[in-house]
Amino acid sequence: MNPHSLRNPTILVSLMAAIFAFGIDRAQKGFHIAAECYAIGQALCVPVPFAYIPETLTGWRGGEILNLTPFFDYVLVWNTGISYGLLDGLPAWVLGAIMAVAIVALAIWWWRAHEMLIRLGLALCIGGALSNALDRLLYGAVADFFHFHWGSWSFYIFNLADMAITFGVILLLADLVGLGRKVTKKPV
């Protein structure tokens, strides 16, 4: 890497975004999840078949539910699949391999990109994906916390890393439709 390239604002801003996305998700999970759940590849806390209302916000093992509003619950649910529980039946090492390939592909795309919107979107996706990948390594599943619902309708349960990935994808779509690009006049 050229030392002057670190002064490139697209690299600096996007790296800070990736670190923020990764860090904020790790901090939230580190605050809530019980220390005994951390056992590389052991999945000690993942198969919790019950739900209870916790007395504190720390030491969660899975199944905790805090009903905050009629449409929002703060919970701890273990997602053993990939996005939205897809591929749930696959072994953790296969899901880890899929995630590793995706992260490497995103990193290559990030390195080759030059536009701020693309690099920022990719960095948010990478930061979130790395945090979820670390969950899979530490717990054998991804910890999800936010649950929106109304009546019988229920939205997917997600975490801060998923929010970073979603926002990253929105930025990539914004670039795709031309947002943030310089307008060039075509010769008549």
Protein backbone atom coordinates (compact mmCIF):
# COMPACT_ATOMS: atom_id res chain seq x y z
CA MET A 1 0.00 0.00 0.00
CA ASN A 2 1.31 3.41 -0.94
CA PRO A 3 1.83 5.53 2.23
CA HIS A 4 0.10 8.46 0.57
CA SER A 5 -2.97 6.33 -0.06
CA LEU A 6 -3.71 6.39 3.68
CA ARG A 7 -4.29 10.11 3.28
CA ASN A 8 -6.99 9.40 0.75
CA PRO A 9 -10.25 10.48 2.41
CA THR A 10 -12.22 7.61 0.87
CA ILE A 11 -9.89 5.11 2.54
CA LEU A 12 -9.75 6.88 5.90
CA VAL A 13 -13.48 7.53 6.21
CA SER A 14 -14.43 4.05 5.08
CA LEU A 15 -11.91 2.39 7.42
CA MET A 16 -13.29 4.42 10.32
CA ALA A 17 -16.82 3.34 9.34
CA ALA A 18 -15.80 -0.33 9.26
CA ILE A 19 -14.10 -0.05 12.66
CA PHE A 20 -17.15 1.74 14.10
CA ALA A 21 -19.60 -0.85 12.72
CA PHE A 22 -17.49 -3.70 14.10
CA GLY A 23 -16.77 -1.99 17.43
CA ILE A 24 -20.29 -0.85 18.31
CA ASP A 25 -21.68 -4.32 17.62
CA ARG A 26 -18.94 -6.01 19.66
CA ALA A 27 -19.47 -3.57 22.55
CA GLN A 28 -23.21 -4.22 22.68
CA LYS A 29 -22.72 -7.99 22.59
CA GLY A 30 -19.90 -7.83 25.14
CA PHE A 31 -22.15 -5.92 27.53
CA HIS A 32 -25.12 -8.29 27.36
CA ILE A 33 -23.87 -11.81 26.70
CA ALA A 34 -22.74 -13.95 29.64
CA ALA A 35 -19.00 -14.58 29.91
CA GLU A 36 -19.49 -18.36 29.99
CA CYS A 37 -20.95 -18.20 26.46
CA TYR A 38 -17.51 -17.32 25.07
CA ALA A 39 -15.98 -20.65 24.11
CA ILE A 40 -14.58 -20.87 20.59
CA GLY A 41 -16.64 -23.35 18.63
CA GLN A 42 -18.42 -24.68 21.75
CA ALA A 43 -21.82 -22.97 21.38
CA LEU A 44 -22.39 -23.22 25.15
CA CYS A 45 -25.31 -20.80 25.24
CA VAL A 46 -26.91 -21.24 21.84
CA PRO A 47 -29.53 -23.96 22.46
CA VAL A 48 -31.69 -22.15 25.04
CA PRO A 49 -35.28 -23.38 24.49
CA PHE A 50 -37.07 -20.95 26.81
CA ALA A 51 -37.65 -17.23 27.24
CA TYR A 52 -37.56 -15.22 30.41
CA ILE A 53 -37.54 -11.60 31.50
CA PRO A 54 -34.07 -10.77 32.81
CA GLU A 55 -33.48 -8.94 36.06
CA THR A 56 -30.40 -7.21 34.62
CA LEU A 57 -29.14 -6.36 31.16
CA THR A 58 -25.93 -8.36 31.59
CA GLY A 59 -25.19 -12.07 31.75
CA TRP A 60 -27.73 -13.03 29.08
CA ARG A 61 -27.53 -16.59 27.69
CA GLY A 62 -30.37 -16.54 25.16
CA GLY A 63 -34.13 -16.39 25.34
CA GLU A 64 -34.30 -13.12 27.30
CA ILE A 65 -37.14 -10.78 26.39
CA LEU A 66 -37.72 -7.18 27.44
CA ASN A 67 -41.03 -5.85 26.11
CA LEU A 68 -40.26 -2.15 25.63
CA THR A 69 -43.25 -1.03 23.55
CA PRO A 70 -46.29 -2.73 22.00
CA PHE A 71 -44.26 -3.07 18.77
CA PHE A 72 -40.63 -3.51 19.93
CA ASP A 73 -38.89 -6.09 22.11
CA TYR A 74 -35.25 -6.19 23.13
CA VAL A 75 -34.26 -9.87 23.13
CA LEU A 76 -31.34 -12.26 22.81
CA VAL A 77 -31.91 -14.82 20.07
CA TRP A 78 -29.24 -17.05 18.54
CA ASN A 79 -29.31 -17.21 14.72
CA THR A 80 -27.64 -20.44 13.61
CA GLY A 81 -28.14 -19.63 9.93
CA ILE A 82 -26.99 -16.77 7.73
CA SER A 83 -29.14 -13.69 7.03
CA TYR A 84 -32.65 -14.11 8.39
CA GLY A 85 -31.97 -17.73 9.38
CA LEU A 86 -31.26 -18.94 5.83
CA LEU A 87 -29.11 -22.08 5.52
CA ASP A 88 -29.88 -22.92 9.15
CA GLY A 89 -29.15 -26.62 8.74
CA LEU A 90 -25.56 -26.25 7.55
CA PRO A 91 -22.62 -26.89 9.91
CA ALA A 92 -21.05 -23.80 11.49
CA TRP A 93 -17.76 -24.31 9.62
CA VAL A 94 -19.58 -24.24 6.24
CA LEU A 95 -21.36 -21.02 7.17
CA GLY A 96 -18.03 -19.62 8.36
CA ALA A 97 -16.43 -20.50 5.03
CA ILE A 98 -19.28 -18.80 3.13
CA MET A 99 -18.88 -15.71 5.30
CA ALA A 100 -15.09 -15.69 4.80
CA VAL A 101 -15.45 -15.83 1.01
CA ALA A 102 -18.01 -13.01 1.10
CA ILE A 103 -15.80 -10.82 3.33
CA VAL A 104 -12.75 -11.38 1.10
CA ALA A 105 -14.80 -10.56 -2.02
CA LEU A 106 -16.11 -7.36 -0.41
CA ALA A 107 -12.58 -6.39 0.67
CA ILE A 108 -11.25 -6.83 -2.87
CA TRP A 109 -14.12 -4.72 -4.23
CA TRP A 110 -13.41 -2.09 -1.52
CA TRP A 111 -9.70 -1.98 -2.45
CA ARG A 112 -10.45 -1.53 -6.15
CA ALA A 113 -13.17 1.10 -5.66
CA HIS A 114 -12.38 4.80 -5.69
CA GLU A 115 -15.73 6.48 -4.99
CA MET A 116 -16.56 7.48 -1.41
CA LEU A 117 -20.11 6.11 -1.49
CA ILE A 118 -18.97 2.68 -2.70
CA ARG A 119 -16.07 2.44 -0.25
CA LEU A 120 -18.24 3.60 2.65
CA GLY A 121 -21.01 1.14 1.79
CA LEU A 122 -18.56 -1.74 1.44
CA ALA A 123 -16.76 -0.81 4.67
CA LEU A 124 -20.02 -0.89 6.63
CA CYS A 125 -20.83 -4.28 5.11
CA ILE A 126 -17.36 -5.61 5.95
CA GLY A 127 -17.40 -4.29 9.53
CA GLY A 128 -20.82 -5.80 10.19
CA ALA A 129 -19.96 -9.09 8.49
CA LEU A 130 -16.72 -9.40 10.48
CA SER A 131 -18.58 -8.93 13.76
CA ASN A 132 -21.21 -11.52 12.83
CA ALA A 133 -18.43 -13.88 11.69
CA LEU A 134 -16.75 -13.45 15.08
CA ASP A 135 -20.07 -14.38 16.72
CA ARG A 136 -20.14 -17.58 14.73
CA LEU A 137 -16.58 -18.37 15.83
CA LEU A 138 -17.16 -17.51 19.51
CA TYR A 139 -20.69 -18.82 20.00
CA GLY A 140 -21.48 -21.06 17.04
CA ALA A 141 -24.33 -18.66 16.12
CA VAL A 142 -25.00 -14.94 15.68
CA ALA A 143 -26.51 -12.98 18.58
CA ASP A 144 -29.55 -10.89 17.52
CA PHE A 145 -31.36 -8.38 19.76
CA PHE A 146 -33.92 -6.14 18.04
CA HIS A 147 -37.43 -7.41 17.34
CA PHE A 148 -40.14 -5.27 15.74
CA HIS A 149 -43.67 -6.71 15.57
CA TRP A 150 -47.30 -5.70 15.36
CA GLY A 151 -50.18 -8.05 16.10
CA SER A 152 -49.37 -11.33 14.37
CA TRP A 153 -46.78 -9.67 12.09
CA SER A 154 -43.16 -10.08 13.11
CA PHE A 155 -40.06 -8.62 11.47
CA TYR A 156 -36.77 -10.48 11.52
CA ILE A 157 -34.74 -10.19 14.71
CA PHE A 158 -31.47 -8.38 13.96
CA ASN A 159 -28.41 -6.75 15.55
CA LEU A 160 -26.24 -3.65 15.09
CA ALA A 161 -23.97 -5.47 12.63
CA ASP A 162 -27.02 -6.26 10.48
CA MET A 163 -27.98 -2.57 10.61
CA ALA A 164 -24.49 -1.60 9.40
CA ILE A 165 -24.71 -4.15 6.56
CA THR A 166 -28.16 -2.90 5.56
CA PHE A 167 -27.04 0.73 5.57
CA GLY A 168 -23.96 -0.28 3.55
CA VAL A 169 -26.17 -1.96 0.94
CA ILE A 170 -28.36 1.16 0.80
CA LEU A 171 -25.26 3.25 0.07
CA LEU A 172 -24.23 0.83 -2.69
CA LEU A 173 -27.72 1.04 -4.21
CA ALA A 174 -27.57 4.85 -3.96
CA ASP A 175 -24.34 4.78 -5.96
CA LEU A 176 -25.92 2.41 -8.46
CA VAL A 177 -28.66 4.94 -9.21
CA GLY A 178 -26.10 7.74 -9.47
CA LEU A 179 -26.45 9.51 -6.13
CA GLY A 180 -23.28 11.37 -5.22
CA ARG A 181 -21.77 11.27 -8.68
CA LYS A 182 -20.73 14.38 -10.53
CA VAL A 183 -23.17 15.36 -13.22
CA THR A 184 -21.50 15.51 -16.60
CA LYS A 185 -23.07 17.37 -19.47
CA LYS A 186 -23.22 15.49 -22.72
CA PRO A 187 -22.06 17.40 -25.76
CA VAL A 188 -24.89 18.45 -28.04
